C-alpha atoms as a PDB file:
ATOM      1  CA  MET A   1    -105.837 -23.660 -59.201  1.00  0.00           C
ATOM      2  CA  ASP A   2    -102.721 -25.786 -59.557  1.00  0.00           C
ATOM      3  CA  PRO A   3    -101.778 -26.913 -55.967  1.00  0.00           C
ATOM      4  CA  ALA A   4     -98.127 -26.785 -56.875  1.00  0.00           C
ATOM      5  CA  ALA A   5     -98.341 -23.190 -58.225  1.00  0.00           C
ATOM      6  CA  SER A   6    -100.075 -22.180 -55.069  1.00  0.00           C
ATOM      7  CA  ARG A   7     -97.358 -23.615 -52.903  1.00  0.00           C
ATOM      8  CA  ARG A   8     -94.645 -21.840 -54.970  1.00  0.00           C
ATOM      9  CA  LYS A   9     -96.500 -18.488 -54.522  1.00  0.00           C
ATOM     10  CA  LYS A  10     -96.630 -19.148 -50.800  1.00  0.00           C
ATOM     11  CA  ILE A  11     -92.997 -19.931 -50.612  1.00  0.00           C
ATOM     12  CA  LEU A  12     -92.071 -16.919 -52.536  1.00  0.00           C
ATOM     13  CA  TRP A  13     -94.139 -14.713 -50.406  1.00  0.00           C
ATOM     14  CA  LEU A  14     -92.554 -16.131 -47.237  1.00  0.00           C
ATOM     15  CA  SER A  15     -89.088 -15.630 -48.757  1.00  0.00           C
ATOM     16  CA  VAL A  16     -89.778 -12.009 -49.638  1.00  0.00           C
ATOM     17  CA  THR A  17     -91.219 -11.318 -46.218  1.00  0.00           C
ATOM     18  CA  ALA A  18     -88.239 -12.932 -44.454  1.00  0.00           C
ATOM     19  CA  THR A  19     -85.869 -10.898 -46.682  1.00  0.00           C
ATOM     20  CA  VAL A  20     -87.583  -7.752 -46.013  1.00  0.00           C
ATOM     21  CA  GLY A  21     -87.435  -8.506 -42.285  1.00  0.00           C
ATOM     22  CA  LEU A  22     -83.844  -9.439 -42.408  1.00  0.00           C
ATOM     23  CA  LEU A  23     -83.002  -6.249 -44.309  1.00  0.00           C
ATOM     24  CA  GLY A  24     -84.986  -4.206 -41.741  1.00  0.00           C
ATOM     25  CA  MET A  25     -82.969  -5.872 -38.888  1.00  0.00           C
ATOM     26  CA  LEU A  26     -79.739  -5.236 -40.727  1.00  0.00           C
ATOM     27  CA  GLY A  27     -80.687  -1.754 -41.410  1.00  0.00           C
ATOM     28  CA  GLY A  28     -81.445  -1.099 -37.726  1.00  0.00           C
ATOM     29  CA  ALA A  29     -78.234  -2.748 -36.663  1.00  0.00           C
ATOM     30  CA  LEU A  30     -76.177  -0.764 -39.030  1.00  0.00           C
ATOM     31  CA  LEU A  31     -77.852   2.407 -37.994  1.00  0.00           C
ATOM     32  CA  SER A  32     -77.152   1.596 -34.323  1.00  0.00           C
ATOM     33  CA  TYR A  33     -73.540   0.762 -35.167  1.00  0.00           C
ATOM     34  CA  TYR A  34     -72.996   4.137 -36.804  1.00  0.00           C
ATOM     35  CA  MET A  35     -74.819   5.941 -33.938  1.00  0.00           C
ATOM     36  CA  ILE A  36     -72.661   4.348 -31.262  1.00  0.00           C
ATOM     37  CA  LYS A  37     -69.470   6.237 -32.136  1.00  0.00           C
ATOM     38  CA  PRO A  38     -70.906   9.774 -31.892  1.00  0.00           C
ATOM     39  CA  SER A  39     -72.655   8.653 -28.698  1.00  0.00           C
ATOM     40  CA  VAL A  40     -69.571   7.337 -27.097  1.00  0.00           C
ATOM     41  CA  THR A  41     -67.587  10.412 -28.205  1.00  0.00           C
ATOM     42  CA  ARG A  42     -70.170  12.693 -26.641  1.00  0.00           C
ATOM     43  CA  GLU A  43     -70.127  10.628 -23.457  1.00  0.00           C
ATOM     44  CA  ASN A  44     -66.353  10.706 -23.307  1.00  0.00           C
ATOM     45  CA  ASP A  45     -66.170  14.389 -24.013  1.00  0.00           C
ATOM     46  CA  SER A  46     -68.829  14.900 -21.121  1.00  0.00           C
ATOM     47  CA  ASN A  47     -66.886  12.825 -18.754  1.00  0.00           C
ATOM     48  CA  LYS A  48     -63.600  14.560 -19.588  1.00  0.00           C
ATOM     49  CA  GLY A  49     -65.337  17.918 -19.065  1.00  0.00           C
ATOM     50  CA  TYR A  50     -66.684  16.902 -15.734  1.00  0.00           C
ATOM     51  CA  ASP A  51     -63.366  15.507 -14.740  1.00  0.00           C
ATOM     52  CA  ALA A  52     -61.417  18.617 -15.654  1.00  0.00           C
ATOM     53  CA  SER A  53     -63.970  20.809 -13.770  1.00  0.00           C
ATOM     54  CA  GLN A  54     -63.238  19.017 -10.444  1.00  0.00           C
ATOM     55  CA  ALA A  55     -60.521  20.405  -8.129  1.00  0.00           C
ATOM     56  CA  PRO A  56     -57.191  18.970  -9.210  1.00  0.00           C
ATOM     57  CA  PHE A  57     -56.476  17.822  -5.549  1.00  0.00           C
ATOM     58  CA  THR A  58     -56.959  18.540  -1.945  1.00  0.00           C
ATOM     59  CA  ALA A  59     -54.215  18.699   0.736  1.00  0.00           C
ATOM     60  CA  SER A  60     -53.910  18.080   4.479  1.00  0.00           C
ATOM     61  CA  VAL A  61     -51.149  18.505   6.960  1.00  0.00           C
ATOM     62  CA  GLN A  62     -50.800  16.187  10.064  1.00  0.00           C
ATOM     63  CA  THR A  63     -48.155  17.121  12.673  1.00  0.00           C
ATOM     64  CA  GLU A  64     -45.698  14.276  13.394  1.00  0.00           C
ATOM     65  CA  LEU A  65     -46.566  12.617  16.623  1.00  0.00           C
ATOM     66  CA  GLY A  66     -42.971  11.727  17.363  1.00  0.00           C
ATOM     67  CA  ASP A  67     -41.322   8.713  18.947  1.00  0.00           C
ATOM     68  CA  PRO A  68     -40.644   9.156  22.663  1.00  0.00           C
ATOM     69  CA  ARG A  69     -37.754   6.718  22.348  1.00  0.00           C
ATOM     70  CA  GLN A  70     -36.044   8.704  19.731  1.00  0.00           C
ATOM     71  CA  ASP A  71     -34.433  12.222  20.183  1.00  0.00           C
ATOM     72  CA  TRP A  72     -36.884  15.062  20.649  1.00  0.00           C
ATOM     73  CA  VAL A  73     -37.378  18.534  22.196  1.00  0.00           C
ATOM     74  CA  MET A  74     -40.561  19.948  23.719  1.00  0.00           C
ATOM     75  CA  VAL A  75     -41.414  23.579  24.289  1.00  0.00           C
ATOM     76  CA  LEU A  76     -43.878  25.045  26.560  1.00  0.00           C
ATOM     77  CA  ASP A  77     -45.382  28.682  26.864  1.00  0.00           C
ATOM     78  CA  ARG A  78     -44.801  28.815  30.622  1.00  0.00           C
ATOM     79  CA  GLU A  79     -42.316  27.790  33.295  1.00  0.00           C
ATOM     80  CA  LEU A  80     -42.652  24.537  35.090  1.00  0.00           C
ATOM     81  CA  THR A  81     -43.793  24.751  38.707  1.00  0.00           C
ATOM     82  CA  LYS A  82     -41.620  23.187  41.394  1.00  0.00           C
ATOM     83  CA  GLY A  83     -44.099  20.311  41.736  1.00  0.00           C
ATOM     84  CA  GLU A  84     -44.002  19.682  37.893  1.00  0.00           C
ATOM     85  CA  THR A  85     -40.229  19.994  37.830  1.00  0.00           C
ATOM     86  CA  ARG A  86     -39.983  17.228  40.602  1.00  0.00           C
ATOM     87  CA  LYS A  87     -42.364  14.892  38.794  1.00  0.00           C
ATOM     88  CA  LEU A  88     -40.643  15.484  35.434  1.00  0.00           C
ATOM     89  CA  THR A  89     -37.055  14.852  36.778  1.00  0.00           C
ATOM     90  CA  SER A  90     -37.989  11.964  38.999  1.00  0.00           C
ATOM     91  CA  SER A  91     -37.295   9.385  36.270  1.00  0.00           C
ATOM     92  CA  ASN A  92     -35.042   9.077  33.251  1.00  0.00           C
ATOM     93  CA  ASP A  93     -37.813   7.247  31.331  1.00  0.00           C
ATOM     94  CA  ALA A  94     -38.015   9.253  27.975  1.00  0.00           C
ATOM     95  CA  SER A  95     -41.459   7.984  27.262  1.00  0.00           C
ATOM     96  CA  ALA A  96     -42.916   9.081  30.560  1.00  0.00           C
ATOM     97  CA  ALA A  97     -41.308  12.534  30.176  1.00  0.00           C
ATOM     98  CA  PHE A  98     -42.627  12.794  26.654  1.00  0.00           C
ATOM     99  CA  ALA A  99     -46.248  11.988  27.678  1.00  0.00           C
ATOM    100  CA  TYR A 100     -46.101  14.184  30.858  1.00  0.00           C
ATOM    101  CA  LEU A 101     -44.928  17.207  28.841  1.00  0.00           C
ATOM    102  CA  LYS A 102     -47.614  16.609  26.295  1.00  0.00           C
ATOM    103  CA  SER A 103     -50.229  16.690  28.988  1.00  0.00           C
ATOM    104  CA  LEU A 104     -48.950  20.028  30.125  1.00  0.00           C
ATOM    105  CA  GLY A 105     -49.329  21.498  26.608  1.00  0.00           C
ATOM    106  CA  GLY A 106     -45.769  20.886  25.366  1.00  0.00           C
ATOM    107  CA  ARG A 107     -45.157  21.279  21.551  1.00  0.00           C
ATOM    108  CA  LEU A 108     -42.886  18.890  19.726  1.00  0.00           C
ATOM    109  CA  LEU A 109     -39.779  19.755  17.850  1.00  0.00           C
ATOM    110  CA  THR A 110     -37.711  17.071  16.103  1.00  0.00           C
ATOM    111  CA  TYR A 111     -33.926  17.025  15.275  1.00  0.00           C
ATOM    112  CA  ALA A 112     -33.604  17.649  11.523  1.00  0.00           C
ATOM    113  CA  SER A 113     -32.079  14.843   9.390  1.00  0.00           C
ATOM    114  CA  TYR A 114     -28.341  14.583   9.313  1.00  0.00           C
ATOM    115  CA  LEU A 115     -27.512  15.262   5.560  1.00  0.00           C
ATOM    116  CA  GLU A 116     -24.095  13.554   5.484  1.00  0.00           C
ATOM    117  CA  HIS A 117     -24.113  13.223   1.749  1.00  0.00           C
ATOM    118  CA  ALA A 118     -25.576  16.574   0.871  1.00  0.00           C
ATOM    119  CA  PRO A 119     -23.697  18.839  -1.703  1.00  0.00           C
ATOM    120  CA  GLU A 120     -21.170  21.158   0.007  1.00  0.00           C
ATOM    121  CA  GLN A 121     -22.752  24.193  -1.587  1.00  0.00           C
ATOM    122  CA  TYR A 122     -26.096  23.360   0.166  1.00  0.00           C
ATOM    123  CA  THR A 123     -24.572  22.674   3.652  1.00  0.00           C
ATOM    124  CA  GLN A 124     -22.543  25.975   3.347  1.00  0.00           C
ATOM    125  CA  ARG A 125     -25.690  27.935   2.604  1.00  0.00           C
ATOM    126  CA  THR A 126     -27.795  26.360   5.338  1.00  0.00           C
ATOM    127  CA  SER A 127     -25.437  25.439   8.183  1.00  0.00           C
ATOM    128  CA  THR A 128     -25.870  27.333  11.446  1.00  0.00           C
ATOM    129  CA  GLY A 129     -23.008  25.469  13.158  1.00  0.00           C
ATOM    130  CA  ARG A 130     -25.298  23.527  15.442  1.00  0.00           C
ATOM    131  CA  LEU A 131     -28.003  20.876  15.141  1.00  0.00           C
ATOM    132  CA  GLU A 132     -31.223  22.216  13.700  1.00  0.00           C
ATOM    133  CA  LEU A 133     -34.764  21.524  15.119  1.00  0.00           C
ATOM    134  CA  SER A 134     -37.650  21.264  12.805  1.00  0.00           C
ATOM    135  CA  GLY A 135     -41.535  21.294  12.950  1.00  0.00           C
ATOM    136  CA  THR A 136     -42.209  18.016  11.169  1.00  0.00           C
ATOM    137  CA  PHE A 137     -45.487  17.146   9.447  1.00  0.00           C
ATOM    138  CA  LYS A 138     -46.840  14.741   6.904  1.00  0.00           C
ATOM    139  CA  LEU A 139     -48.215  16.457   3.750  1.00  0.00           C
ATOM    140  CA  ARG A 140     -50.859  14.485   2.027  1.00  0.00           C
ATOM    141  CA  VAL A 141     -52.290  15.271  -1.465  1.00  0.00           C
ATOM    142  CA  LEU A 142     -55.426  13.425  -2.750  1.00  0.00           C
ATOM    143  CA  SER A 143     -57.305  13.802  -6.117  1.00  0.00           C
ATOM    144  CA  THR A 144     -60.579  12.415  -7.104  1.00  0.00           C
ATOM    145  CA  ARG A 145     -59.910  12.965 -10.767  1.00  0.00           C
ATOM    146  CA  SER A 146     -59.892   9.950 -13.133  1.00  0.00           C
ATOM    147  CA  ALA A 147     -57.007  11.449 -15.020  1.00  0.00           C
ATOM    148  CA  PRO A 148     -53.497  11.863 -13.539  1.00  0.00           C
ATOM    149  CA  VAL A 149     -52.429  15.250 -11.980  1.00  0.00           C
ATOM    150  CA  VAL A 150     -48.591  15.820 -11.606  1.00  0.00           C
ATOM    151  CA  ILE A 151     -47.155  18.247  -9.150  1.00  0.00           C
ATOM    152  CA  ASP A 152     -43.731  19.292 -10.339  1.00  0.00           C
ATOM    153  CA  ASP A 153     -42.809  22.209  -8.124  1.00  0.00           C
ATOM    154  CA  TRP A 154     -43.815  24.089  -4.971  1.00  0.00           C
ATOM    155  CA  LYS A 155     -42.850  27.210  -2.944  1.00  0.00           C
ATOM    156  CA  ALA A 156     -43.521  28.653   0.563  1.00  0.00           C
ATOM    157  CA  THR A 157     -45.741  31.706   0.402  1.00  0.00           C
ATOM    158  CA  ASP A 158     -47.059  34.482   2.826  1.00  0.00           C
ATOM    159  CA  VAL A 159     -44.391  33.731   5.497  1.00  0.00           C
ATOM    160  CA  SER A 160     -45.018  35.560   8.724  1.00  0.00           C
ATOM    161  CA  CYS A 161     -42.631  35.212  11.621  1.00  0.00           C
ATOM    162  CA  ARG A 162     -42.465  36.576  15.285  1.00  0.00           C
ATOM    163  CA  PRO A 163     -40.455  35.762  18.358  1.00  0.00           C
ATOM    164  CA  SER A 164     -41.220  32.445  19.959  1.00  0.00           C
ATOM    165  CA  THR A 165     -43.639  32.594  22.815  1.00  0.00           C
ATOM    166  CA  ALA A 166     -42.029  29.489  24.493  1.00  0.00           C
ATOM    167  CA  LYS A 167     -40.475  29.996  27.939  1.00  0.00           C
ATOM    168  CA  THR A 168     -39.488  26.357  28.774  1.00  0.00           C
ATOM    169  CA  VAL A 169     -37.442  23.926  26.654  1.00  0.00           C
ATOM    170  CA  VAL A 170     -36.837  20.275  27.543  1.00  0.00           C
ATOM    171  CA  GLY A 171     -34.623  18.135  25.360  1.00  0.00           C
ATOM    172  CA  TYR A 172     -33.744  14.469  24.841  1.00  0.00           C
ATOM    173  CA  PRO A 173     -30.899  15.239  22.521  1.00  0.00           C
ATOM    174  CA  SER A 174     -29.713  13.322  19.631  1.00  0.00           C
ATOM    175  CA  GLN A 175     -27.077  10.717  20.220  1.00  0.00           C
ATOM    176  CA  GLY A 176     -25.962  10.637  16.605  1.00  0.00           C
ATOM    177  CA  GLY A 177     -26.995  11.910  13.214  1.00  0.00           C
ATOM    178  CA  VAL A 178     -29.907  10.126  11.494  1.00  0.00           C
ATOM    179  CA  ALA A 179     -31.472  10.741   8.004  1.00  0.00           C
ATOM    180  CA  TYR A 180     -35.229  10.405   7.433  1.00  0.00           C
ATOM    181  CA  GLN A 181     -36.945   9.840   4.168  1.00  0.00           C
ATOM    182  CA  GLY A 182     -38.667  12.985   2.918  1.00  0.00           C
ATOM    183  CA  ILE A 183     -37.911  16.608   2.278  1.00  0.00           C
ATOM    184  CA  ARG A 184     -36.606  19.611   4.018  1.00  0.00           C
ATOM    185  CA  VAL A 185     -37.300  23.384   3.782  1.00  0.00           C
ATOM    186  CA  HIS A 186     -36.278  26.385   5.897  1.00  0.00           C
ATOM    187  CA  VAL A 187     -38.870  28.982   6.428  1.00  0.00           C
ATOM    188  CA  PRO A 188     -38.280  31.072   4.341  1.00  0.00           C
ATOM    189  CA  PRO A 189     -36.679  28.575   1.886  1.00  0.00           C
ATOM    190  CA  ARG A 190     -33.041  28.731   0.774  1.00  0.00           C
ATOM    191  CA  GLY A 191     -30.554  26.671  -1.136  1.00  0.00           C
ATOM    192  CA  GLY A 192     -32.811  25.277  -3.752  1.00  0.00           C
ATOM    193  CA  GLU A 193     -35.257  23.779  -1.131  1.00  0.00           C
ATOM    194  CA  PRO A 194     -37.246  21.711  -0.679  1.00  0.00           C
ATOM    195  CA  VAL A 195     -34.439  19.170  -0.759  1.00  0.00           C
ATOM    196  CA  LEU A 196     -34.268  15.501  -0.272  1.00  0.00           C
ATOM    197  CA  THR A 197     -33.418  14.113   3.034  1.00  0.00           C
ATOM    198  CA  ASP A 198     -33.337  10.475   2.007  1.00  0.00           C
ATOM    199  CA  ASP A 199     -30.200   8.536   2.973  1.00  0.00           C
ATOM    200  CA  ASP A 200     -29.261   7.687  -0.624  1.00  0.00           C
ATOM    201  CA  GLU A 201     -28.263   9.330  -3.844  1.00  0.00           C
ATOM    202  CA  GLY A 202     -29.770  12.718  -4.275  1.00  0.00           C
ATOM    203  CA  GLN A 203     -29.596  13.735  -0.599  1.00  0.00           C
ATOM    204  CA  GLY A 204     -29.531  17.414  -0.207  1.00  0.00           C
ATOM    205  CA  GLU A 205     -30.522  18.045  -3.930  1.00  0.00           C
ATOM    206  CA  PRO A 206     -33.570  19.969  -4.933  1.00  0.00           C
ATOM    207  CA  TYR A 207     -36.528  17.511  -4.749  1.00  0.00           C
ATOM    208  CA  PHE A 208     -38.406  18.665  -7.835  1.00  0.00           C
ATOM    209  CA  ASP A 209     -35.228  18.424  -9.991  1.00  0.00           C
ATOM    210  CA  THR A 210     -35.688  14.708 -10.101  1.00  0.00           C
ATOM    211  CA  HIS A 211     -39.030  13.912  -8.505  1.00  0.00           C
ATOM    212  CA  ASN A 212     -42.693  14.816  -8.751  1.00  0.00           C
ATOM    213  CA  ILE A 213     -45.961  14.024  -6.936  1.00  0.00           C
ATOM    214  CA  GLU A 214     -48.538  12.150  -9.156  1.00  0.00           C
ATOM    215  CA  VAL A 215     -52.146  11.749  -7.985  1.00  0.00           C
ATOM    216  CA  GLY A 216     -55.481  10.961  -9.522  1.00  0.00           C
ATOM    217  CA  ASN A 217     -56.052   8.128 -11.993  1.00  0.00           C
ATOM    218  CA  GLY A 218     -57.003   5.967  -9.122  1.00  0.00           C
ATOM    219  CA  GLN A 219     -53.705   6.349  -7.370  1.00  0.00           C
ATOM    220  CA  SER A 220     -53.354   6.461  -3.566  1.00  0.00           C
ATOM    221  CA  SER A 221     -52.591   9.840  -2.090  1.00  0.00           C
ATOM    222  CA  GLY A 222     -49.168  11.450  -2.535  1.00  0.00           C
ATOM    223  CA  ALA A 223     -47.671  11.757   0.902  1.00  0.00           C
ATOM    224  CA  MET A 224     -44.330  12.943   2.196  1.00  0.00           C
ATOM    225  CA  ARG A 225     -42.599  13.716   5.445  1.00  0.00           C
ATOM    226  CA  VAL A 226     -41.633  17.534   5.536  1.00  0.00           C
ATOM    227  CA  GLU A 227     -38.960  18.914   7.928  1.00  0.00           C
ATOM    228  CA  ALA A 228     -39.782  22.668   8.210  1.00  0.00           C
ATOM    229  CA  ILE A 229     -37.120  24.640  10.017  1.00  0.00           C
ATOM    230  CA  ALA A 230     -37.889  28.140  11.427  1.00  0.00           C
ATOM    231  CA  PRO A 231     -35.259  30.893  11.997  1.00  0.00           C
ATOM    232  CA  PRO A 232     -33.638  30.654  15.440  1.00  0.00           C
ATOM    233  CA  GLY A 233     -35.857  32.171  18.163  1.00  0.00           C
ATOM    234  CA  GLN A 234     -38.797  32.487  15.810  1.00  0.00           C
ATOM    235  CA  SER A 235     -42.318  31.095  15.301  1.00  0.00           C
ATOM    236  CA  CYS A 236     -43.669  31.299  11.769  1.00  0.00           C
ATOM    237  CA  GLU A 237     -46.788  30.777   9.750  1.00  0.00           C
ATOM    238  CA  TRP A 238     -46.786  30.120   6.148  1.00  0.00           C
ATOM    239  CA  GLY A 239     -48.527  28.491   3.151  1.00  0.00           C
ATOM    240  CA  ILE A 240     -47.690  26.386   0.084  1.00  0.00           C
ATOM    241  CA  LYS A 241     -48.140  26.970  -3.516  1.00  0.00           C
ATOM    242  CA  VAL A 242     -47.687  24.097  -5.921  1.00  0.00           C
ATOM    243  CA  HIS A 243     -47.361  23.981  -9.616  1.00  0.00           C
ATOM    244  CA  TYR A 244     -49.216  21.188 -11.394  1.00  0.00           C
ATOM    245  CA  ILE A 245     -49.946  19.768 -14.922  1.00  0.00           C
ATOM    246  CA  ASP A 246     -52.925  17.752 -15.748  1.00  0.00           C
ATOM    247  CA  ALA A 247     -53.970  15.483 -18.441  1.00  0.00           C
ATOM    248  CA  TYR A 248     -56.043  18.309 -20.104  1.00  0.00           C
ATOM    249  CA  GLN A 249     -52.857  20.315 -20.703  1.00  0.00           C
ATOM    250  CA  LYS A 250     -53.570  22.731 -17.972  1.00  0.00           C
ATOM    251  CA  ALA A 251     -50.629  23.980 -16.130  1.00  0.00           C
ATOM    252  CA  GLN A 252     -50.735  26.515 -13.293  1.00  0.00           C
ATOM    253  CA  TRP A 253     -49.589  27.497  -9.754  1.00  0.00           C
ATOM    254  CA  LEU A 254     -52.301  26.722  -7.072  1.00  0.00           C
ATOM    255  CA  GLN A 255     -52.489  27.720  -3.370  1.00  0.00           C
ATOM    256  CA  LEU A 256     -52.997  24.621  -1.118  1.00  0.00           C
ATOM    257  CA  LYS A 257     -56.294  24.938   0.880  1.00  0.00           C
ATOM    258  CA  ASP A 258     -57.606  23.086   3.855  1.00  0.00           C
ATOM    259  CA  SER A 259     -60.807  21.023   4.169  1.00  0.00           C
ATOM    260  CA  ASP A 260     -62.737  24.448   4.705  1.00  0.00           C
ATOM    261  CA  GLY A 261     -61.440  25.866   1.538  1.00  0.00           C
ATOM    262  CA  LYS A 262     -59.195  28.270   3.214  1.00  0.00           C
ATOM    263  CA  ALA A 263     -55.638  28.838   2.366  1.00  0.00           C
ATOM    264  CA  LEU A 264     -53.611  26.263   4.260  1.00  0.00           C
ATOM    265  CA  ARG A 265     -51.489  27.783   7.035  1.00  0.00           C
ATOM    266  CA  ILE A 266     -48.667  25.741   8.633  1.00  0.00           C
ATOM    267  CA  ARG A 267     -47.072  26.761  11.993  1.00  0.00           C
ATOM    268  CA  THR A 268     -43.301  26.129  12.345  1.00  0.00           C
ATOM    269  CA  GLU A 269     -41.267  27.274  15.365  1.00  0.00           C
ATOM    270  CA  SER A 270     -37.777  26.889  16.891  1.00  0.00           C
ATOM    271  CA  VAL A 271     -36.663  27.135  20.414  1.00  0.00           C
ATOM    272  CA  PRO A 272     -36.748  30.535  22.021  1.00  0.00           C
ATOM    273  CA  ALA A 273     -33.807  32.738  21.943  1.00  0.00           C
ATOM    274  CA  ASP A 274     -33.571  33.111  25.726  1.00  0.00           C
ATOM    275  CA  PRO A 275     -35.781  30.606  27.501  1.00  0.00           C
ATOM    276  CA  ARG A 276     -36.419  30.898  31.213  1.00  0.00           C
ATOM    277  CA  GLN A 277     -35.956  27.111  31.812  1.00  0.00           C
ATOM    278  CA  THR A 278     -34.015  24.651  29.761  1.00  0.00           C
ATOM    279  CA  TRP A 279     -33.673  21.057  30.761  1.00  0.00           C
ATOM    280  CA  VAL A 280     -31.717  18.072  29.035  1.00  0.00           C
ATOM    281  CA  PHE A 281     -31.503  14.458  29.985  1.00  0.00           C
ATOM    282  CA  GLY A 282     -30.813  11.053  28.459  1.00  0.00           C
ATOM    283  CA  ALA A 283     -27.053  10.740  27.992  1.00  0.00           C
ATOM    284  CA  VAL A 284     -26.646  12.730  31.329  1.00  0.00           C
ATOM    285  CA  PRO A 285     -28.973  12.946  34.330  1.00  0.00           C
ATOM    286  CA  TRP A 286     -31.536  15.714  34.424  1.00  0.00           C
ATOM    287  CA  THR A 287     -29.576  18.918  33.962  1.00  0.00           C
ATOM    288  CA  ALA A 288     -30.911  22.413  34.413  1.00  0.00           C
ATOM    289  CA  CYS A 289     -29.078  24.380  31.689  1.00  0.00           C
ATOM    290  CA  HIS A 290     -30.708  27.613  32.676  1.00  0.00           C
ATOM    291  CA  GLN A 291     -28.622  27.560  35.894  1.00  0.00           C
ATOM    292  CA  LYS A 292     -25.563  28.297  33.674  1.00  0.00           C
ATOM    293  CA  THR A 293     -24.210  24.727  33.641  1.00  0.00           C
ATOM    294  CA  LYS A 294     -21.312  24.037  31.326  1.00  0.00           C
ATOM    295  CA  GLU A 295     -22.569  20.637  30.455  1.00  0.00           C
ATOM    296  CA  PRO A 296     -21.890  20.118  26.617  1.00  0.00           C
ATOM    297  CA  MET A 297     -25.340  18.501  26.112  1.00  0.00           C
ATOM    298  CA  CYS A 298     -26.832  21.844  26.878  1.00  0.00           C
ATOM    299  CA  GLY A 299     -25.615  23.014  23.446  1.00  0.00           C
ATOM    300  CA  LEU A 300     -27.807  20.553  21.675  1.00  0.00           C
ATOM    301  CA  VAL A 301     -31.132  22.299  22.528  1.00  0.00           C
END
C-alpha cells in the first residue's frame, strides 16, 4: 500500500473524528446555554415566591429611657412614705431623684415637643392650654425580605382607656420648649396625626403626606421616636395598623404584632386628674403642690 495514501487516510480520519468531537462539544454548550435561561427564570420565580411568602416586616416598641438632666415627670401608683419623701427631697440633683423614683417603681412621662412652627389649624385642634406630657417610645420596623416594603400610612386601633391609677406625681418641669425629631399622636388620634415633630419644614404636618418608612432590600430597620399623648387623667392601651405596599404589587393594612405573634399593645398614660401627692423641683426648691401652694411651677405637671 502506498505510504503516502495511508497517511492521507489517517489524517482524514483524525480530522473527521476531531470535527465530530468539536461539534459534539458545541452542541452540548449550545444546549446548556439554551437551558440556562429557563433554569434561571425558574430559580428567580422560586426566590420571588419565597420572598413574597415571608412576613413583610416585624415591629418592636422600646419605651424611652429618658435623660435625668432634661425635663421629666414620674408617676407612681402609691403615695411616698415620710422616709421616702425625706430621701427624695434631700437633694436638688435631678439624676439622683430620677434614679430613686425609678427604684420605687416610677413610670416616666416626657414633655411633648414644642411645635412652634406647626400650622395654626393643628394647634387649635390639639391645644389644651397647658404643656402636654407623653409616653414616648421608639418604634422599630424590620423586614427580612430581599425586596423593598414601603409603609405609607398607619392608624391607632382598639383604643381602650381608663382612669389613671397613679397617686403620686413628681416633676422636673421644662425650662423652655424643645422640639424632638420624630412623630406625635394623641390617643385616640386627631388633627391628621401622626404629625412631624422635627424642628424644620413640615413640623405639625401629617407625617405620611410627605414621608414613608421603607424596609427590606438589605436596609437597616426603620425606626422613629413616637410621642403618644393620652387624654388628661387617663391611661390607655392601643395598637397600630399600618398600610404597606411591596415589590409584588401587594397593598393592604396589617396589624402590628409583637415577637410572640400577638397584636402589639402600647400603654400610654397621663398624670392623674387628682393625685394625692404632687412634687416639683428644679427652677424652684422642692415644692409640695398637693399642699395647695400657689407656686406657678405646679401648673407644669
